[in-house]
N, C-alpha and C. Protein backbone atom coordinates (compact mmCIF):
# COMPACT_ATOMS: atom_id res chain seq x y z
N MET A 1 72.01 117.65 93.32
CA MET A 1 71.40 118.08 92.10
C MET A 1 71.85 119.52 91.81
N ASP A 2 72.26 119.77 90.56
CA ASP A 2 72.71 121.10 90.15
C ASP A 2 71.53 122.01 89.88
N GLU A 3 71.65 123.27 90.25
CA GLU A 3 70.67 124.27 89.89
C GLU A 3 70.88 124.64 88.43
N GLY A 4 69.90 125.25 87.81
CA GLY A 4 70.07 125.74 86.45
C GLY A 4 69.77 124.70 85.40
N TYR A 5 70.79 124.02 84.93
CA TYR A 5 70.64 123.09 83.81
C TYR A 5 69.76 121.89 84.10
N GLY A 6 69.55 121.55 85.34
CA GLY A 6 68.66 120.45 85.68
C GLY A 6 69.32 119.09 85.71
N TYR A 7 70.66 119.05 85.76
CA TYR A 7 71.33 117.76 85.86
C TYR A 7 70.79 117.01 87.08
N GLY A 8 70.46 115.75 86.88
CA GLY A 8 69.93 114.94 87.98
C GLY A 8 68.42 115.01 88.14
N GLU A 9 67.76 115.95 87.46
CA GLU A 9 66.29 116.01 87.51
C GLU A 9 65.74 114.79 86.80
N THR A 10 64.60 114.28 87.27
CA THR A 10 64.03 113.06 86.71
C THR A 10 62.56 113.23 86.34
N ILE A 11 62.15 112.39 85.41
CA ILE A 11 60.74 112.20 85.05
C ILE A 11 60.49 110.71 85.21
N THR A 12 59.47 110.33 85.97
CA THR A 12 59.19 108.92 86.21
C THR A 12 57.77 108.57 85.78
N LEU A 13 57.67 107.49 85.03
CA LEU A 13 56.39 106.92 84.62
C LEU A 13 56.21 105.64 85.42
N LYS A 14 55.13 105.57 86.19
CA LYS A 14 54.83 104.38 86.98
C LYS A 14 53.55 103.77 86.43
N THR A 15 53.59 102.49 86.12
CA THR A 15 52.44 101.85 85.49
C THR A 15 51.40 101.38 86.49
N SER A 16 50.15 101.42 86.04
CA SER A 16 49.05 100.89 86.86
C SER A 16 48.53 99.59 86.25
N ASP A 17 49.15 99.17 85.14
CA ASP A 17 48.76 97.95 84.46
C ASP A 17 49.97 97.43 83.69
N THR A 18 49.93 96.20 83.26
CA THR A 18 51.02 95.63 82.46
C THR A 18 51.00 96.25 81.06
N CYS A 19 52.19 96.62 80.55
CA CYS A 19 52.28 97.18 79.20
C CYS A 19 53.69 96.97 78.66
N THR A 20 53.85 97.17 77.37
CA THR A 20 55.18 97.13 76.76
C THR A 20 55.48 98.50 76.19
N VAL A 21 56.71 98.96 76.42
CA VAL A 21 57.12 100.30 76.03
C VAL A 21 58.35 100.20 75.13
N SER A 22 58.32 100.90 73.99
CA SER A 22 59.46 100.86 73.08
C SER A 22 60.28 102.15 73.12
N GLY A 23 59.74 103.18 73.78
CA GLY A 23 60.47 104.45 73.88
C GLY A 23 59.53 105.59 74.19
N PHE A 24 59.95 106.79 73.78
CA PHE A 24 59.18 108.00 74.01
C PHE A 24 59.21 108.88 72.77
N MET A 25 58.21 109.72 72.62
CA MET A 25 58.23 110.83 71.66
C MET A 25 58.46 112.08 72.49
N ILE A 26 59.30 112.97 72.00
CA ILE A 26 59.64 114.16 72.77
C ILE A 26 59.76 115.39 71.88
N MET A 27 59.24 116.50 72.38
CA MET A 27 59.53 117.82 71.81
C MET A 27 60.47 118.47 72.83
N ASN A 28 61.73 118.53 72.47
CA ASN A 28 62.80 118.90 73.38
C ASN A 28 63.00 120.41 73.39
N GLY A 29 62.94 121.01 74.56
CA GLY A 29 63.14 122.45 74.70
C GLY A 29 61.82 123.18 74.88
N TYR A 30 61.91 124.50 75.01
CA TYR A 30 60.74 125.35 75.16
C TYR A 30 60.31 125.75 73.76
N CYS A 31 59.34 125.03 73.21
CA CYS A 31 59.01 125.11 71.78
C CYS A 31 57.90 126.09 71.42
N SER A 32 57.65 127.10 72.23
CA SER A 32 56.59 128.06 71.92
C SER A 32 56.95 128.98 70.76
N SER A 33 58.25 129.20 70.55
CA SER A 33 58.73 130.04 69.45
C SER A 33 60.20 129.71 69.21
N GLU A 34 60.73 130.08 68.06
CA GLU A 34 62.14 129.83 67.76
C GLU A 34 63.06 130.53 68.78
N PRO A 35 62.82 131.84 69.09
CA PRO A 35 63.68 132.48 70.09
C PRO A 35 63.59 131.82 71.48
N ALA A 36 62.39 131.40 71.90
CA ALA A 36 62.25 130.74 73.21
C ALA A 36 63.03 129.43 73.21
N TRP A 37 62.96 128.69 72.09
CA TRP A 37 63.68 127.42 72.00
C TRP A 37 65.19 127.66 72.07
N GLU A 38 65.70 128.64 71.34
CA GLU A 38 67.14 128.94 71.32
C GLU A 38 67.63 129.45 72.67
N ASN A 39 66.81 130.24 73.36
CA ASN A 39 67.22 130.87 74.62
C ASN A 39 67.32 129.89 75.78
N ASN A 40 66.53 128.82 75.77
CA ASN A 40 66.48 127.87 76.88
C ASN A 40 67.26 126.60 76.53
N SER A 41 67.79 125.95 77.55
CA SER A 41 68.55 124.72 77.36
C SER A 41 67.62 123.56 77.03
N ARG A 42 68.19 122.53 76.37
CA ARG A 42 67.46 121.34 75.98
C ARG A 42 68.23 120.10 76.44
N VAL A 43 67.51 119.00 76.63
CA VAL A 43 68.15 117.75 77.03
C VAL A 43 68.97 117.20 75.87
N ARG A 44 70.20 116.84 76.14
CA ARG A 44 71.04 116.15 75.15
C ARG A 44 71.03 114.65 75.41
N LYS A 45 71.22 114.27 76.69
CA LYS A 45 71.23 112.85 77.05
C LYS A 45 70.43 112.62 78.32
N PHE A 46 69.68 111.53 78.30
CA PHE A 46 68.97 111.01 79.46
C PHE A 46 69.63 109.70 79.89
N LEU A 47 69.58 109.39 81.17
CA LEU A 47 69.83 108.03 81.64
C LEU A 47 68.44 107.43 81.82
N ALA A 48 68.12 106.43 81.01
CA ALA A 48 66.82 105.76 81.11
C ALA A 48 66.98 104.50 81.97
N SER A 49 66.12 104.37 82.99
CA SER A 49 66.19 103.23 83.90
C SER A 49 64.83 102.58 84.05
N ARG A 50 64.83 101.27 84.24
CA ARG A 50 63.62 100.52 84.56
C ARG A 50 63.78 100.03 85.99
N ASN A 51 62.88 100.45 86.87
CA ASN A 51 62.94 100.05 88.28
C ASN A 51 64.35 100.27 88.86
N SER A 52 64.94 101.41 88.58
CA SER A 52 66.26 101.83 89.07
C SER A 52 67.44 101.10 88.43
N SER A 53 67.19 100.23 87.43
CA SER A 53 68.27 99.55 86.72
C SER A 53 68.47 100.23 85.36
N PRO A 54 69.68 100.72 85.08
CA PRO A 54 69.91 101.42 83.81
C PRO A 54 69.56 100.56 82.59
N VAL A 55 68.93 101.21 81.61
CA VAL A 55 68.54 100.54 80.36
C VAL A 55 69.39 101.06 79.21
N CYS A 56 69.52 102.39 79.10
CA CYS A 56 70.28 102.98 78.01
C CYS A 56 70.49 104.47 78.28
N VAL A 57 71.32 105.08 77.44
CA VAL A 57 71.58 106.52 77.51
C VAL A 57 71.32 107.10 76.12
N PRO A 58 70.06 107.40 75.82
CA PRO A 58 69.76 107.96 74.50
C PRO A 58 70.25 109.39 74.36
N GLU A 59 70.75 109.72 73.17
CA GLU A 59 71.16 111.09 72.86
C GLU A 59 70.13 111.68 71.91
N LEU A 60 69.58 112.82 72.29
CA LEU A 60 68.56 113.49 71.49
C LEU A 60 69.19 114.45 70.51
N GLU A 61 68.49 114.69 69.39
CA GLU A 61 68.91 115.70 68.44
C GLU A 61 68.57 117.07 69.02
N ASP A 62 69.32 118.08 68.60
CA ASP A 62 69.06 119.45 69.05
C ASP A 62 68.11 120.11 68.06
N THR A 63 66.84 119.73 68.17
CA THR A 63 65.81 120.22 67.27
C THR A 63 64.54 120.50 68.05
N SER A 64 63.74 121.44 67.56
CA SER A 64 62.46 121.75 68.22
C SER A 64 61.34 120.86 67.70
N TYR A 65 61.63 120.03 66.71
CA TYR A 65 60.62 119.13 66.16
C TYR A 65 60.50 117.87 67.02
N SER A 66 59.35 117.24 66.95
CA SER A 66 59.12 116.01 67.68
C SER A 66 60.09 114.93 67.18
N GLN A 67 60.62 114.16 68.11
CA GLN A 67 61.55 113.09 67.74
C GLN A 67 61.30 111.86 68.59
N ALA A 68 61.66 110.71 68.02
CA ALA A 68 61.50 109.44 68.72
C ALA A 68 62.75 109.12 69.51
N MET A 69 62.57 108.67 70.74
CA MET A 69 63.65 108.20 71.59
C MET A 69 63.36 106.72 71.84
N GLN A 70 64.04 105.84 71.11
CA GLN A 70 63.77 104.41 71.17
C GLN A 70 64.69 103.70 72.17
N PHE A 71 64.14 102.73 72.88
CA PHE A 71 64.95 101.86 73.73
C PHE A 71 65.59 100.79 72.84
N PRO A 72 66.72 100.21 73.25
CA PRO A 72 67.38 99.18 72.45
C PRO A 72 66.47 97.97 72.19
N GLU A 73 65.58 97.70 73.13
CA GLU A 73 64.59 96.63 72.96
C GLU A 73 63.33 97.02 73.71
N VAL A 74 62.22 96.43 73.33
CA VAL A 74 60.95 96.70 73.98
C VAL A 74 61.02 96.26 75.44
N ILE A 75 60.47 97.09 76.32
CA ILE A 75 60.50 96.82 77.77
C ILE A 75 59.08 96.45 78.22
N THR A 76 58.96 95.32 78.88
CA THR A 76 57.67 94.93 79.46
C THR A 76 57.64 95.43 80.90
N LEU A 77 56.60 96.19 81.21
CA LEU A 77 56.42 96.72 82.56
C LEU A 77 55.23 96.03 83.20
N ASP A 78 55.41 95.53 84.40
CA ASP A 78 54.32 94.96 85.16
C ASP A 78 53.69 96.05 86.02
N THR A 79 52.53 95.78 86.56
CA THR A 79 51.85 96.74 87.42
C THR A 79 52.79 97.22 88.53
N GLY A 80 52.93 98.54 88.65
CA GLY A 80 53.78 99.13 89.68
C GLY A 80 55.22 99.36 89.25
N ASP A 81 55.63 98.83 88.08
CA ASP A 81 56.98 99.08 87.58
C ASP A 81 57.10 100.53 87.14
N SER A 82 58.35 100.98 86.97
CA SER A 82 58.55 102.37 86.55
C SER A 82 59.70 102.50 85.56
N ILE A 83 59.60 103.54 84.76
CA ILE A 83 60.70 103.97 83.88
C ILE A 83 61.03 105.40 84.30
N THR A 84 62.32 105.65 84.52
CA THR A 84 62.77 106.98 84.92
C THR A 84 63.75 107.51 83.89
N LEU A 85 63.57 108.78 83.52
CA LEU A 85 64.49 109.49 82.63
C LEU A 85 65.19 110.55 83.46
N GLU A 86 66.51 110.48 83.55
CA GLU A 86 67.30 111.43 84.32
C GLU A 86 68.16 112.26 83.37
N ILE A 87 68.11 113.57 83.52
CA ILE A 87 68.92 114.46 82.68
C ILE A 87 70.38 114.34 83.09
N ILE A 88 71.24 113.97 82.11
CA ILE A 88 72.67 113.85 82.43
C ILE A 88 73.53 114.77 81.56
N GLU A 89 72.95 115.32 80.47
CA GLU A 89 73.71 116.25 79.63
C GLU A 89 72.71 117.13 78.89
N VAL A 90 73.07 118.39 78.66
CA VAL A 90 72.17 119.32 77.99
C VAL A 90 72.85 120.05 76.85
N TYR A 91 72.01 120.60 75.95
CA TYR A 91 72.46 121.58 74.97
C TYR A 91 72.18 122.94 75.63
N PRO A 92 73.20 123.75 75.92
CA PRO A 92 72.97 125.02 76.61
C PRO A 92 72.17 126.00 75.77
N GLY A 93 71.27 126.72 76.44
CA GLY A 93 70.55 127.81 75.79
C GLY A 93 71.47 129.02 75.67
N ILE A 94 71.11 129.93 74.75
CA ILE A 94 71.98 131.11 74.59
C ILE A 94 71.70 132.19 75.63
N ARG A 95 70.57 132.08 76.33
CA ARG A 95 70.26 133.10 77.33
C ARG A 95 70.02 132.55 78.73
N TYR A 96 69.36 131.39 78.82
CA TYR A 96 68.97 130.85 80.13
C TYR A 96 69.60 129.48 80.37
N ASP A 97 69.84 129.15 81.63
CA ASP A 97 70.37 127.85 82.02
C ASP A 97 69.29 126.78 82.12
N ASP A 98 68.05 127.20 82.45
CA ASP A 98 67.01 126.20 82.71
C ASP A 98 66.76 125.33 81.48
N THR A 99 66.48 124.06 81.72
CA THR A 99 66.26 123.07 80.67
C THR A 99 64.77 122.78 80.58
N ALA A 100 64.26 122.78 79.35
CA ALA A 100 62.82 122.60 79.14
C ALA A 100 62.51 121.42 78.24
N ILE A 101 61.35 120.82 78.45
CA ILE A 101 60.78 119.81 77.58
C ILE A 101 59.34 120.24 77.36
N SER A 102 58.94 120.41 76.09
CA SER A 102 57.58 120.88 75.81
C SER A 102 56.57 119.75 75.82
N GLU A 103 56.93 118.60 75.28
CA GLU A 103 56.01 117.45 75.25
C GLU A 103 56.80 116.16 75.40
N LEU A 104 56.19 115.21 76.09
CA LEU A 104 56.79 113.89 76.26
C LEU A 104 55.66 112.88 76.32
N SER A 105 55.71 111.88 75.46
CA SER A 105 54.69 110.83 75.49
C SER A 105 55.36 109.48 75.34
N CYS A 106 54.80 108.51 76.02
CA CYS A 106 55.33 107.15 76.03
C CYS A 106 54.83 106.41 74.79
N THR A 107 55.72 105.64 74.15
CA THR A 107 55.35 104.81 73.00
C THR A 107 55.04 103.41 73.53
N ILE A 108 53.75 103.10 73.60
CA ILE A 108 53.31 101.81 74.14
C ILE A 108 52.93 100.91 72.97
N ASP A 109 53.51 99.73 72.98
CA ASP A 109 53.23 98.76 71.90
C ASP A 109 52.04 97.89 72.25
């Protein structure tokens, strides 16, 4: 795992019940202010996996506004299944290497 930009860092959602997931809503970057957002790196691409099997590689917009990250098709998760998002590419910040995500929520159908 690389220091700084966070390549290889993961976020994992593990279910405690059966559900269907169509994607995520994300506020990408450190969104407390415009300068903070510009200074810190943001995720450009995630590798999204279900139970360690790749699902897709969504590319995010370079914006501080909330955006939808949709899977190609709705994913049914059984109890104990997981979805993992791995950082594989970033938009570099102008001052700092660290990559930030302000908000992330699962879109459950």
